[in-house]
C-alpha atoms as a PDB file:
ATOM      1  CA  UNK A   1      -5.203 -13.490  18.822  1.00  0.00           C
ATOM      2  CA  UNK A   2      -2.212 -12.085  16.941  1.00  0.00           C
ATOM      3  CA  UNK A   3      -2.420 -12.374  13.171  1.00  0.00           C
ATOM      4  CA  UNK A   4       0.624 -12.805  10.974  1.00  0.00           C
ATOM      5  CA  UNK A   5       1.609 -11.122   7.724  1.00  0.00           C
ATOM      6  CA  UNK A   6       4.457 -11.655   5.284  1.00  0.00           C
ATOM      7  CA  UNK A   7       6.576  -8.747   4.072  1.00  0.00           C
ATOM      8  CA  UNK A   8       7.342  -9.412   0.419  1.00  0.00           C
ATOM      9  CA  UNK A   9      10.886  -8.821  -0.927  1.00  0.00           C
ATOM     10  CA  UNK A  10      10.382  -5.627  -2.956  1.00  0.00           C
ATOM     11  CA  UNK A  11      13.913  -4.226  -2.635  1.00  0.00           C
ATOM     12  CA  UNK A  12      15.717  -3.971  -5.976  1.00  0.00           C
ATOM     13  CA  UNK A  13      19.278  -3.794  -4.626  1.00  0.00           C
ATOM     14  CA  UNK A  14      21.514  -5.595  -3.798  1.00  0.00           C
ATOM     15  CA  UNK A  15      19.213  -8.500  -4.790  1.00  0.00           C
ATOM     16  CA  UNK A  16      16.070  -8.200  -6.905  1.00  0.00           C
ATOM     17  CA  UNK A  17      13.464 -10.948  -7.051  1.00  0.00           C
ATOM     18  CA  UNK A  18      11.377  -9.258  -9.733  1.00  0.00           C
ATOM     19  CA  UNK A  19       7.627  -8.989 -10.124  1.00  0.00           C
ATOM     20  CA  UNK A  20       6.926 -12.547 -11.246  1.00  0.00           C
ATOM     21  CA  UNK A  21       8.814 -14.166  -8.377  1.00  0.00           C
ATOM     22  CA  UNK A  22       7.198 -11.821  -5.841  1.00  0.00           C
ATOM     23  CA  UNK A  23       3.704 -12.597  -7.119  1.00  0.00           C
ATOM     24  CA  UNK A  24       4.290 -16.349  -7.042  1.00  0.00           C
ATOM     25  CA  UNK A  25       5.677 -16.033  -3.529  1.00  0.00           C
ATOM     26  CA  UNK A  26       2.489 -14.167  -2.575  1.00  0.00           C
ATOM     27  CA  UNK A  27       0.325 -16.911  -4.083  1.00  0.00           C
ATOM     28  CA  UNK A  28       2.309 -19.523  -2.183  1.00  0.00           C
ATOM     29  CA  UNK A  29       1.869 -17.648   1.119  1.00  0.00           C
ATOM     30  CA  UNK A  30      -1.852 -17.126   0.545  1.00  0.00           C
ATOM     31  CA  UNK A  31      -2.304 -20.889   0.272  1.00  0.00           C
ATOM     32  CA  UNK A  32      -1.222 -21.215   3.923  1.00  0.00           C
ATOM     33  CA  UNK A  33      -3.719 -20.292   6.633  1.00  0.00           C
ATOM     34  CA  UNK A  34      -1.080 -18.708   8.853  1.00  0.00           C
ATOM     35  CA  UNK A  35      -0.251 -15.857   6.456  1.00  0.00           C
ATOM     36  CA  UNK A  36      -3.106 -13.386   6.914  1.00  0.00           C
ATOM     37  CA  UNK A  37      -1.634 -10.279   5.270  1.00  0.00           C
ATOM     38  CA  UNK A  38       0.780  -9.618   2.419  1.00  0.00           C
ATOM     39  CA  UNK A  39       2.829  -6.455   2.900  1.00  0.00           C
ATOM     40  CA  UNK A  40       4.778  -4.291   0.467  1.00  0.00           C
ATOM     41  CA  UNK A  41       7.154  -1.449   1.346  1.00  0.00           C
ATOM     42  CA  UNK A  42       7.082   2.005  -0.246  1.00  0.00           C
ATOM     43  CA  UNK A  43       9.461   4.673  -1.450  1.00  0.00           C
ATOM     44  CA  UNK A  44       9.710   6.828  -4.558  1.00  0.00           C
ATOM     45  CA  UNK A  45      13.408   7.754  -4.554  1.00  0.00           C
ATOM     46  CA  UNK A  46      15.007   7.374  -1.133  1.00  0.00           C
ATOM     47  CA  UNK A  47      15.016   3.561  -1.047  1.00  0.00           C
ATOM     48  CA  UNK A  48      15.379   1.079  -3.941  1.00  0.00           C
ATOM     49  CA  UNK A  49      11.890  -0.472  -3.813  1.00  0.00           C
ATOM     50  CA  UNK A  50       9.635  -1.584  -6.625  1.00  0.00           C
ATOM     51  CA  UNK A  51       6.592   0.645  -7.025  1.00  0.00           C
ATOM     52  CA  UNK A  52       4.092  -0.062  -4.257  1.00  0.00           C
ATOM     53  CA  UNK A  53       0.974   0.853  -6.240  1.00  0.00           C
ATOM     54  CA  UNK A  54       1.845  -1.401  -9.171  1.00  0.00           C
ATOM     55  CA  UNK A  55       2.562  -4.302  -6.816  1.00  0.00           C
ATOM     56  CA  UNK A  56      -0.648  -3.854  -4.841  1.00  0.00           C
ATOM     57  CA  UNK A  57      -2.738  -3.842  -8.007  1.00  0.00           C
ATOM     58  CA  UNK A  58      -1.050  -7.027  -9.174  1.00  0.00           C
ATOM     59  CA  UNK A  59      -1.531  -8.637  -5.762  1.00  0.00           C
ATOM     60  CA  UNK A  60      -5.208  -7.644  -5.719  1.00  0.00           C
ATOM     61  CA  UNK A  61      -5.675  -9.403  -9.051  1.00  0.00           C
ATOM     62  CA  UNK A  62      -3.659 -12.516  -8.157  1.00  0.00           C
ATOM     63  CA  UNK A  63      -4.956 -13.225  -4.630  1.00  0.00           C
ATOM     64  CA  UNK A  64      -8.381 -13.780  -3.095  1.00  0.00           C
ATOM     65  CA  UNK A  65      -8.057 -14.188   0.677  1.00  0.00           C
ATOM     66  CA  UNK A  66      -5.164 -12.289   2.266  1.00  0.00           C
ATOM     67  CA  UNK A  67      -5.352  -8.666   3.290  1.00  0.00           C
ATOM     68  CA  UNK A  68      -3.019  -6.456   1.264  1.00  0.00           C
ATOM     69  CA  UNK A  69      -1.025  -3.855   3.142  1.00  0.00           C
ATOM     70  CA  UNK A  70       1.485  -1.134   2.458  1.00  0.00           C
ATOM     71  CA  UNK A  71       3.765  -0.574   5.388  1.00  0.00           C
ATOM     72  CA  UNK A  72       4.665   1.978   5.636  1.00  0.00           C
ATOM     73  CA  UNK A  73       3.654   4.474   2.928  1.00  0.00           C
ATOM     74  CA  UNK A  74       6.521   6.910   3.399  1.00  0.00           C
ATOM     75  CA  UNK A  75       5.720   8.672   0.116  1.00  0.00           C
ATOM     76  CA  UNK A  76       2.215   9.766   1.190  1.00  0.00           C
ATOM     77  CA  UNK A  77       3.359  13.323   1.906  1.00  0.00           C
ATOM     78  CA  UNK A  78       4.702  13.630  -1.646  1.00  0.00           C
ATOM     79  CA  UNK A  79       1.621  12.299  -3.453  1.00  0.00           C
ATOM     80  CA  UNK A  80      -1.473  14.379  -4.165  1.00  0.00           C
ATOM     81  CA  UNK A  81      -4.268  13.101  -1.899  1.00  0.00           C
ATOM     82  CA  UNK A  82      -6.832  13.004  -4.724  1.00  0.00           C
ATOM     83  CA  UNK A  83      -4.541  10.751  -6.771  1.00  0.00           C
ATOM     84  CA  UNK A  84      -4.031   8.487  -3.752  1.00  0.00           C
ATOM     85  CA  UNK A  85      -7.778   8.348  -3.083  1.00  0.00           C
ATOM     86  CA  UNK A  86      -8.509   7.517  -6.717  1.00  0.00           C
ATOM     87  CA  UNK A  87      -5.970   4.673  -6.714  1.00  0.00           C
ATOM     88  CA  UNK A  88      -6.950   3.271  -3.333  1.00  0.00           C
ATOM     89  CA  UNK A  89     -10.679   3.347  -4.033  1.00  0.00           C
ATOM     90  CA  UNK A  90     -10.006   1.232  -7.111  1.00  0.00           C
ATOM     91  CA  UNK A  91      -7.568  -1.034  -5.244  1.00  0.00           C
ATOM     92  CA  UNK A  92     -10.142  -1.608  -2.525  1.00  0.00           C
ATOM     93  CA  UNK A  93     -12.744  -2.488  -5.150  1.00  0.00           C
ATOM     94  CA  UNK A  94     -10.346  -4.699  -7.124  1.00  0.00           C
ATOM     95  CA  UNK A  95      -9.354  -6.591  -3.968  1.00  0.00           C
ATOM     96  CA  UNK A  96     -12.896  -6.916  -2.639  1.00  0.00           C
ATOM     97  CA  UNK A  97     -12.201  -4.752   0.400  1.00  0.00           C
ATOM     98  CA  UNK A  98      -8.863  -6.237   1.478  1.00  0.00           C
ATOM     99  CA  UNK A  99      -6.678  -3.107   1.462  1.00  0.00           C
ATOM    100  CA  UNK A 100      -4.821  -1.792   4.500  1.00  0.00           C
ATOM    101  CA  UNK A 101      -2.758   1.391   4.528  1.00  0.00           C
ATOM    102  CA  UNK A 102      -0.077   1.922   7.145  1.00  0.00           C
ATOM    103  CA  UNK A 103       1.080   5.503   6.619  1.00  0.00           C
ATOM    104  CA  UNK A 104       4.187   7.260   7.869  1.00  0.00           C
ATOM    105  CA  UNK A 105       5.988  10.567   7.334  1.00  0.00           C
ATOM    106  CA  UNK A 106       9.235   8.801   6.418  1.00  0.00           C
ATOM    107  CA  UNK A 107      12.698   9.730   7.617  1.00  0.00           C
ATOM    108  CA  UNK A 108      13.856  13.325   7.688  1.00  0.00           C
ATOM    109  CA  UNK A 109      17.608  12.957   7.325  1.00  0.00           C
ATOM    110  CA  UNK A 110      20.120  11.233   5.098  1.00  0.00           C
ATOM    111  CA  UNK A 111      21.573  12.038   1.671  1.00  0.00           C
ATOM    112  CA  UNK A 112      18.935  10.111  -0.303  1.00  0.00           C
ATOM    113  CA  UNK A 113      16.094  11.565   1.786  1.00  0.00           C
ATOM    114  CA  UNK A 114      17.375  15.116   1.352  1.00  0.00           C
ATOM    115  CA  UNK A 115      17.668  14.593  -2.408  1.00  0.00           C
ATOM    116  CA  UNK A 116      14.084  13.328  -2.528  1.00  0.00           C
ATOM    117  CA  UNK A 117      12.834  16.347  -0.581  1.00  0.00           C
ATOM    118  CA  UNK A 118      14.660  18.709  -2.959  1.00  0.00           C
ATOM    119  CA  UNK A 119      13.170  16.905  -5.946  1.00  0.00           C
ATOM    120  CA  UNK A 120       9.641  17.457  -4.650  1.00  0.00           C
ATOM    121  CA  UNK A 121      10.389  21.018  -3.555  1.00  0.00           C
ATOM    122  CA  UNK A 122       9.613  20.445   0.133  1.00  0.00           C
ATOM    123  CA  UNK A 123      11.298  20.554   3.470  1.00  0.00           C
ATOM    124  CA  UNK A 124      10.612  17.778   5.971  1.00  0.00           C
ATOM    125  CA  UNK A 125       8.110  19.719   8.156  1.00  0.00           C
ATOM    126  CA  UNK A 126       5.987  20.429   5.076  1.00  0.00           C
ATOM    127  CA  UNK A 127       6.093  16.780   4.043  1.00  0.00           C
ATOM    128  CA  UNK A 128       4.942  15.750   7.541  1.00  0.00           C
ATOM    129  CA  UNK A 129       2.106  18.284   7.467  1.00  0.00           C
ATOM    130  CA  UNK A 130       1.003  17.052   4.035  1.00  0.00           C
ATOM    131  CA  UNK A 131       1.164  13.461   5.268  1.00  0.00           C
ATOM    132  CA  UNK A 132      -1.106  14.257   8.215  1.00  0.00           C
ATOM    133  CA  UNK A 133      -3.592  16.057   5.995  1.00  0.00           C
ATOM    134  CA  UNK A 134      -3.599  13.167   3.516  1.00  0.00           C
ATOM    135  CA  UNK A 135      -4.500  10.692   6.281  1.00  0.00           C
ATOM    136  CA  UNK A 136      -7.437  12.873   7.337  1.00  0.00           C
ATOM    137  CA  UNK A 137      -8.485  13.303   3.707  1.00  0.00           C
ATOM    138  CA  UNK A 138      -8.442   9.559   3.005  1.00  0.00           C
ATOM    139  CA  UNK A 139     -10.537   8.837   6.070  1.00  0.00           C
ATOM    140  CA  UNK A 140     -13.171  11.362   5.058  1.00  0.00           C
ATOM    141  CA  UNK A 141     -13.454  10.501   1.376  1.00  0.00           C
ATOM    142  CA  UNK A 142     -13.407   6.760   2.055  1.00  0.00           C
ATOM    143  CA  UNK A 143     -16.615   7.238   4.034  1.00  0.00           C
ATOM    144  CA  UNK A 144     -18.248   9.037   1.125  1.00  0.00           C
ATOM    145  CA  UNK A 145     -17.312  12.715   1.541  1.00  0.00           C
ATOM    146  CA  UNK A 146     -17.107  14.570  -1.778  1.00  0.00           C
ATOM    147  CA  UNK A 147     -15.454  17.759  -0.563  1.00  0.00           C
ATOM    148  CA  UNK A 148     -12.505  18.609   1.661  1.00  0.00           C
ATOM    149  CA  UNK A 149     -10.756  21.804   2.660  1.00  0.00           C
ATOM    150  CA  UNK A 150      -7.320  21.810   4.206  1.00  0.00           C
ATOM    151  CA  UNK A 151      -4.155  23.922   4.076  1.00  0.00           C
ATOM    152  CA  UNK A 152      -2.812  21.983   1.081  1.00  0.00           C
ATOM    153  CA  UNK A 153      -5.866  20.278  -0.425  1.00  0.00           C
ATOM    154  CA  UNK A 154      -9.163  21.803  -1.459  1.00  0.00           C
ATOM    155  CA  UNK A 155     -11.600  19.527  -3.296  1.00  0.00           C
ATOM    156  CA  UNK A 156     -15.196  19.921  -4.434  1.00  0.00           C
ATOM    157  CA  UNK A 157     -17.470  17.406  -6.167  1.00  0.00           C
ATOM    158  CA  UNK A 158     -15.062  14.491  -5.827  1.00  0.00           C
ATOM    159  CA  UNK A 159     -16.387  11.467  -7.687  1.00  0.00           C
ATOM    160  CA  UNK A 160     -14.705   8.141  -6.912  1.00  0.00           C
ATOM    161  CA  UNK A 161     -17.287   6.050  -8.727  1.00  0.00           C
ATOM    162  CA  UNK A 162     -18.267   2.965  -6.783  1.00  0.00           C
ATOM    163  CA  UNK A 163     -15.597   4.024  -4.314  1.00  0.00           C
ATOM    164  CA  UNK A 164     -14.240   2.181  -1.344  1.00  0.00           C
ATOM    165  CA  UNK A 165     -15.601  -1.170  -0.242  1.00  0.00           C
ATOM    166  CA  UNK A 166     -14.312  -0.471   3.271  1.00  0.00           C
ATOM    167  CA  UNK A 167     -15.920   2.608   4.771  1.00  0.00           C
ATOM    168  CA  UNK A 168     -13.699   3.959   6.115  1.00  0.00           C
ATOM    169  CA  UNK A 169     -10.471   2.571   4.697  1.00  0.00           C
ATOM    170  CA  UNK A 170      -8.339   1.227   7.595  1.00  0.00           C
ATOM    171  CA  UNK A 171      -5.386   3.563   8.104  1.00  0.00           C
ATOM    172  CA  UNK A 172      -2.680   2.716  10.590  1.00  0.00           C
ATOM    173  CA  UNK A 173       0.095   5.180  11.414  1.00  0.00           C
ATOM    174  CA  UNK A 174       3.715   4.107  11.787  1.00  0.00           C
ATOM    175  CA  UNK A 175       5.839   5.558  14.579  1.00  0.00           C
ATOM    176  CA  UNK A 176       9.191   4.231  15.738  1.00  0.00           C
ATOM    177  CA  UNK A 177      10.540   6.071  18.777  1.00  0.00           C
ATOM    178  CA  UNK A 178      14.134   5.148  19.473  1.00  0.00           C
ATOM    179  CA  UNK A 179      14.585   2.804  22.467  1.00  0.00           C
ATOM    180  CA  UNK A 180      16.505   5.696  24.028  1.00  0.00           C
ATOM    181  CA  UNK A 181      13.918   8.381  23.193  1.00  0.00           C
ATOM    182  CA  UNK A 182      12.748  10.648  25.978  1.00  0.00           C
ATOM    183  CA  UNK A 183       9.120  10.754  27.077  1.00  0.00           C
ATOM    184  CA  UNK A 184       8.435  13.983  25.183  1.00  0.00           C
ATOM    185  CA  UNK A 185       9.532  12.383  21.904  1.00  0.00           C
ATOM    186  CA  UNK A 186       7.580   9.202  22.602  1.00  0.00           C
ATOM    187  CA  UNK A 187       4.453  11.226  23.406  1.00  0.00           C
ATOM    188  CA  UNK A 188       4.845  13.338  20.259  1.00  0.00           C
ATOM    189  CA  UNK A 189       5.115  10.314  17.974  1.00  0.00           C
ATOM    190  CA  UNK A 190       2.496   8.200  19.724  1.00  0.00           C
ATOM    191  CA  UNK A 191       0.271  11.274  19.962  1.00  0.00           C
ATOM    192  CA  UNK A 192       0.191  11.418  16.164  1.00  0.00           C
ATOM    193  CA  UNK A 193      -0.900   7.778  16.094  1.00  0.00           C
ATOM    194  CA  UNK A 194      -3.599   8.507  18.667  1.00  0.00           C
ATOM    195  CA  UNK A 195      -4.914  11.480  16.675  1.00  0.00           C
ATOM    196  CA  UNK A 196      -4.830   9.979  13.189  1.00  0.00           C
ATOM    197  CA  UNK A 197      -4.641   6.202  13.235  1.00  0.00           C
ATOM    198  CA  UNK A 198      -6.934   3.215  13.503  1.00  0.00           C
ATOM    199  CA  UNK A 199      -3.815   1.347  14.514  1.00  0.00           C
ATOM    200  CA  UNK A 200      -0.094   1.612  15.125  1.00  0.00           C
ATOM    201  CA  UNK A 201       2.772   0.026  13.209  1.00  0.00           C
ATOM    202  CA  UNK A 202       6.181  -0.018  14.861  1.00  0.00           C
ATOM    203  CA  UNK A 203       9.675  -1.510  14.532  1.00  0.00           C
ATOM    204  CA  UNK A 204      12.755  -1.959  16.703  1.00  0.00           C
ATOM    205  CA  UNK A 205      10.921  -2.660  19.931  1.00  0.00           C
ATOM    206  CA  UNK A 206      11.311  -5.254  22.669  1.00  0.00           C
ATOM    207  CA  UNK A 207       8.261  -6.814  24.362  1.00  0.00           C
ATOM    208  CA  UNK A 208       8.762  -4.721  27.490  1.00  0.00           C
ATOM    209  CA  UNK A 209       9.091  -1.498  25.498  1.00  0.00           C
ATOM    210  CA  UNK A 210       6.024  -2.429  23.459  1.00  0.00           C
ATOM    211  CA  UNK A 211       3.927  -3.005  26.567  1.00  0.00           C
ATOM    212  CA  UNK A 212       4.848   0.386  28.021  1.00  0.00           C
ATOM    213  CA  UNK A 213       4.180   2.178  24.750  1.00  0.00           C
ATOM    214  CA  UNK A 214       0.875   0.445  24.067  1.00  0.00           C
ATOM    215  CA  UNK A 215      -0.343   1.515  27.499  1.00  0.00           C
ATOM    216  CA  UNK A 216       0.781   5.093  26.790  1.00  0.00           C
ATOM    217  CA  UNK A 217      -0.881   5.047  23.356  1.00  0.00           C
ATOM    218  CA  UNK A 218      -4.240   4.189  24.928  1.00  0.00           C
ATOM    219  CA  UNK A 219      -3.793   7.009  27.455  1.00  0.00           C
ATOM    220  CA  UNK A 220      -3.058   9.494  24.667  1.00  0.00           C
ATOM    221  CA  UNK A 221      -6.012   8.299  22.592  1.00  0.00           C
ATOM    222  CA  UNK A 222      -8.321   8.761  25.589  1.00  0.00           C
ATOM    223  CA  UNK A 223      -7.175  12.390  25.742  1.00  0.00           C
ATOM    224  CA  UNK A 224      -7.813  13.234  22.066  1.00  0.00           C
ATOM    225  CA  UNK A 225     -10.669  10.817  21.277  1.00  0.00           C
ATOM    226  CA  UNK A 226     -12.445  10.018  24.569  1.00  0.00           C
ATOM    227  CA  UNK A 227     -15.411   8.673  22.598  1.00  0.00           C
ATOM    228  CA  UNK A 228     -13.278   5.889  21.077  1.00  0.00           C
ATOM    229  CA  UNK A 229     -12.938   3.042  23.536  1.00  0.00           C
ATOM    230  CA  UNK A 230     -12.505   0.035  21.271  1.00  0.00           C
ATOM    231  CA  UNK A 231      -9.228  -1.818  20.761  1.00  0.00           C
ATOM    232  CA  UNK A 232      -6.493  -0.460  18.534  1.00  0.00           C
ATOM    233  CA  UNK A 233      -4.574  -2.569  16.055  1.00  0.00           C
ATOM    234  CA  UNK A 234      -0.907  -2.805  17.075  1.00  0.00           C
ATOM    235  CA  UNK A 235       1.411  -4.148  14.391  1.00  0.00           C
ATOM    236  CA  UNK A 236       5.057  -5.020  15.013  1.00  0.00           C
ATOM    237  CA  UNK A 237       7.330  -5.177  11.970  1.00  0.00           C
ATOM    238  CA  UNK A 238       9.547  -8.131  12.853  1.00  0.00           C
ATOM    239  CA  UNK A 239      12.728  -9.315  11.137  1.00  0.00           C
ATOM    240  CA  UNK A 240      12.737 -13.117  11.305  1.00  0.00           C
ATOM    241  CA  UNK A 241      15.008 -15.999  10.392  1.00  0.00           C
ATOM    242  CA  UNK A 242      14.315 -19.505  11.702  1.00  0.00           C
ATOM    243  CA  UNK A 243      15.946 -22.835  11.118  1.00  0.00           C
ATOM    244  CA  UNK A 244      17.208 -25.978  12.794  1.00  0.00           C
ATOM    245  CA  UNK A 245      20.878 -24.939  12.757  1.00  0.00           C
ATOM    246  CA  UNK A 246      21.295 -21.830  14.955  1.00  0.00           C
ATOM    247  CA  UNK A 247      24.761 -20.999  13.610  1.00  0.00           C
ATOM    248  CA  UNK A 248      23.595 -21.024   9.994  1.00  0.00           C
ATOM    249  CA  UNK A 249      20.489 -19.002  10.851  1.00  0.00           C
ATOM    250  CA  UNK A 250      22.463 -16.304  12.630  1.00  0.00           C
ATOM    251  CA  UNK A 251      25.083 -16.048   9.875  1.00  0.00           C
ATOM    252  CA  UNK A 252      22.401 -15.766   7.198  1.00  0.00           C
ATOM    253  CA  UNK A 253      20.465 -13.111   9.132  1.00  0.00           C
ATOM    254  CA  UNK A 254      23.565 -11.027   9.767  1.00  0.00           C
ATOM    255  CA  UNK A 255      24.666 -11.218   6.135  1.00  0.00           C
ATOM    256  CA  UNK A 256      21.277  -9.938   5.020  1.00  0.00           C
ATOM    257  CA  UNK A 257      21.295  -7.236   7.686  1.00  0.00           C
ATOM    258  CA  UNK A 258      24.630  -5.895   6.438  1.00  0.00           C
ATOM    259  CA  UNK A 259      23.174  -5.758   2.908  1.00  0.00           C
ATOM    260  CA  UNK A 260      20.250  -3.548   3.985  1.00  0.00           C
ATOM    261  CA  UNK A 261      21.497  -1.799   7.188  1.00  0.00           C
ATOM    262  CA  UNK A 262      18.191  -0.559   8.676  1.00  0.00           C
ATOM    263  CA  UNK A 263      18.401   2.989  10.014  1.00  0.00           C
ATOM    264  CA  UNK A 264      18.798   3.354  13.748  1.00  0.00           C
ATOM    265  CA  UNK A 265      19.444  -0.352  14.338  1.00  0.00           C
ATOM    266  CA  UNK A 266      22.790  -1.977  15.038  1.00  0.00           C
ATOM    267  CA  UNK A 267      23.523  -5.613  14.367  1.00  0.00           C
ATOM    268  CA  UNK A 268      23.792  -6.108  18.128  1.00  0.00           C
ATOM    269  CA  UNK A 269      20.203  -4.847  18.519  1.00  0.00           C
ATOM    270  CA  UNK A 270      18.921  -7.844  16.568  1.00  0.00           C
ATOM    271  CA  UNK A 271      19.213 -10.062  19.643  1.00  0.00           C
ATOM    272  CA  UNK A 272      16.350  -8.230  21.356  1.00  0.00           C
ATOM    273  CA  UNK A 273      14.138  -7.074  18.491  1.00  0.00           C
ATOM    274  CA  UNK A 274      14.325  -9.858  15.881  1.00  0.00           C
ATOM    275  CA  UNK A 275      13.088 -13.458  15.892  1.00  0.00           C
ATOM    276  CA  UNK A 276      16.323 -15.190  14.898  1.00  0.00           C
ATOM    277  CA  UNK A 277      17.090 -18.755  15.921  1.00  0.00           C
ATOM    278  CA  UNK A 278      15.144 -21.937  16.417  1.00  0.00           C
ATOM    279  CA  UNK A 279      11.391 -22.126  15.767  1.00  0.00           C
ATOM    280  CA  UNK A 280      10.878 -22.385  19.523  1.00  0.00           C
ATOM    281  CA  UNK A 281      12.902 -19.215  20.169  1.00  0.00           C
ATOM    282  CA  UNK A 282      11.028 -17.277  17.488  1.00  0.00           C
ATOM    283  CA  UNK A 283       7.655 -18.480  18.752  1.00  0.00           C
ATOM    284  CA  UNK A 284       8.610 -17.468  22.293  1.00  0.00           C
ATOM    285  CA  UNK A 285       9.461 -13.891  21.239  1.00  0.00           C
ATOM    286  CA  UNK A 286       6.271 -13.641  19.194  1.00  0.00           C
ATOM    287  CA  UNK A 287       4.274 -14.885  22.170  1.00  0.00           C
ATOM    288  CA  UNK A 288       5.794 -12.218  24.393  1.00  0.00           C
ATOM    289  CA  UNK A 289       5.077  -9.509  21.808  1.00  0.00           C
ATOM    290  CA  UNK A 290       1.489 -10.722  21.665  1.00  0.00           C
ATOM    291  CA  UNK A 291       1.186 -10.590  25.442  1.00  0.00           C
ATOM    292  CA  UNK A 292       2.631  -7.051  25.336  1.00  0.00           C
ATOM    293  CA  UNK A 293      -0.172  -5.888  23.046  1.00  0.00           C
ATOM    294  CA  UNK A 294       0.754  -6.805  19.472  1.00  0.00           C
ATOM    295  CA  UNK A 295      -2.343  -7.751  17.471  1.00  0.00           C
ATOM    296  CA  UNK A 296      -0.502  -8.241  14.179  1.00  0.00           C
ATOM    297  CA  UNK A 297       3.029  -9.168  13.069  1.00  0.00           C
ATOM    298  CA  UNK A 298       4.511  -8.072   9.756  1.00  0.00           C
ATOM    299  CA  UNK A 299       7.257 -10.640   9.350  1.00  0.00           C
ATOM    300  CA  UNK A 300      10.146  -9.734   7.063  1.00  0.00           C
ATOM    301  CA  UNK A 301      12.433 -12.684   6.287  1.00  0.00           C
ATOM    302  CA  UNK A 302      15.916 -11.446   7.203  1.00  0.00           C
ATOM    303  CA  UNK A 303      17.631 -13.867   4.847  1.00  0.00           C
ATOM    304  CA  UNK A 304      19.785 -13.893   1.735  1.00  0.00           C
ATOM    305  CA  UNK A 305      17.332 -16.456   0.289  1.00  0.00           C
ATOM    306  CA  UNK A 306      13.846 -15.137   0.970  1.00  0.00           C
ATOM    307  CA  UNK A 307      11.882 -17.966  -0.731  1.00  0.00           C
ATOM    308  CA  UNK A 308      13.779 -20.597   1.247  1.00  0.00           C
ATOM    309  CA  UNK A 309      13.183 -18.676   4.471  1.00  0.00           C
ATOM    310  CA  UNK A 310       9.472 -18.315   3.696  1.00  0.00           C
ATOM    311  CA  UNK A 311       9.315 -22.090   3.317  1.00  0.00           C
ATOM    312  CA  UNK A 312      11.083 -22.498   6.666  1.00  0.00           C
ATOM    313  CA  UNK A 313       8.730 -20.045   8.353  1.00  0.00           C
ATOM    314  CA  UNK A 314       5.710 -21.794   6.864  1.00  0.00           C
ATOM    315  CA  UNK A 315       6.826 -25.258   7.866  1.00  0.00           C
ATOM    316  CA  UNK A 316       8.602 -24.611  11.172  1.00  0.00           C
ATOM    317  CA  UNK A 317       7.116 -21.449  12.717  1.00  0.00           C
ATOM    318  CA  UNK A 318       3.519 -21.063  11.574  1.00  0.00           C
ATOM    319  CA  UNK A 319       2.355 -24.400  13.048  1.00  0.00           C
ATOM    320  CA  UNK A 320       3.514 -23.091  16.439  1.00  0.00           C
ATOM    321  CA  UNK A 321       1.493 -19.901  15.981  1.00  0.00           C
ATOM    322  CA  UNK A 322      -1.565 -21.084  14.046  1.00  0.00           C
ATOM    323  CA  UNK A 323      -3.437 -24.145  15.309  1.00  0.00           C
ATOM    324  CA  UNK A 324      -5.830 -24.106  12.349  1.00  0.00           C
ATOM    325  CA  UNK A 325      -5.186 -26.456   9.418  1.00  0.00           C
ATOM    326  CA  UNK A 326      -3.587 -25.108   6.274  1.00  0.00           C
ATOM    327  CA  UNK A 327      -5.799 -24.138   3.374  1.00  0.00           C
ATOM    328  CA  UNK A 328      -3.855 -26.370   1.004  1.00  0.00           C
ATOM    329  CA  UNK A 329      -0.948 -28.818   1.111  1.00  0.00           C
ATOM    330  CA  UNK A 330       2.348 -26.978   1.368  1.00  0.00           C
ATOM    331  CA  UNK A 331       4.191 -27.292  -1.952  1.00  0.00           C
ATOM    332  CA  UNK A 332       7.841 -26.555  -2.447  1.00  0.00           C
ATOM    333  CA  UNK A 333       8.624 -23.211  -4.013  1.00  0.00           C
ATOM    334  CA  UNK A 334       9.959 -23.525  -7.528  1.00  0.00           C
ATOM    335  CA  UNK A 335      13.729 -22.961  -7.800  1.00  0.00           C
ATOM    336  CA  UNK A 336      13.037 -20.289 -10.447  1.00  0.00           C
ATOM    337  CA  UNK A 337      11.743 -18.012  -7.677  1.00  0.00           C
ATOM    338  CA  UNK A 338      15.320 -17.503  -6.565  1.00  0.00           C
ATOM    339  CA  UNK A 339      17.278 -14.685  -8.182  1.00  0.00           C
END
């Protein structure tokens, strides 16, 4: 069964919802059985996001049921692994073992990205190498290791106190091969997932592309980890906008898309990779992604009014995906949640 998560609106520009509104939106979503995970995005300088660590700590304190994910942690290669381990051990304890880290190397090009790399004194290959080492480090220390020796990180006598509740911490790896990528590129990116990840997070993929790539991911994992035969988590990051008026839905989704302009995606691409339209259309696409191998959806409301869209998703889409009853009656979100 495919589980469903909500991507919270952490972008500060062109619209900022602020910490209080985001936390109340998270509490609202947690009261509905269909929202299984609450996701935050991550960037230090390249993208205008609120700080992921601060948000996750606040979410851990304000929620009790939902898993709490970061997807994807593009700044991992910049952060010292010991600092990350210290923070995530405490987050896992604070949340009662609900943390989920989806890591990625981040983009390698663009003016803001290049400025960020200069600020940290790295080139992109070094950042990627540090990211890979940090994933390995987190897996080892989250199972109780107190020492580690790698090209960038050497640690002895590491003391994380009570440490991680989850042993090991679940770490998924994000990889987004272009729909037009050649097989060598696909194998290189999926090969990293196979080597390092407990799961795969991806974006900009149709059901048919997902099916082909999931099959290839399992082949690659069998080559590098033949002893691991269990299922992998496969998470699709899915832009979504549903409503009863298809014209209004499409206009709202496109307006929000032009505000954020995701890299490597054109507005025309949205027809095949986003759940935009009626609840029935969205549920159909989600069903096909599930059949193609998706075990989890990270749904980002592609809307100029995120709280209103979350209400629409909760009332119109989730009942088509989640047959279980809601945990609580569905209240209306307070108007003060809107910016």
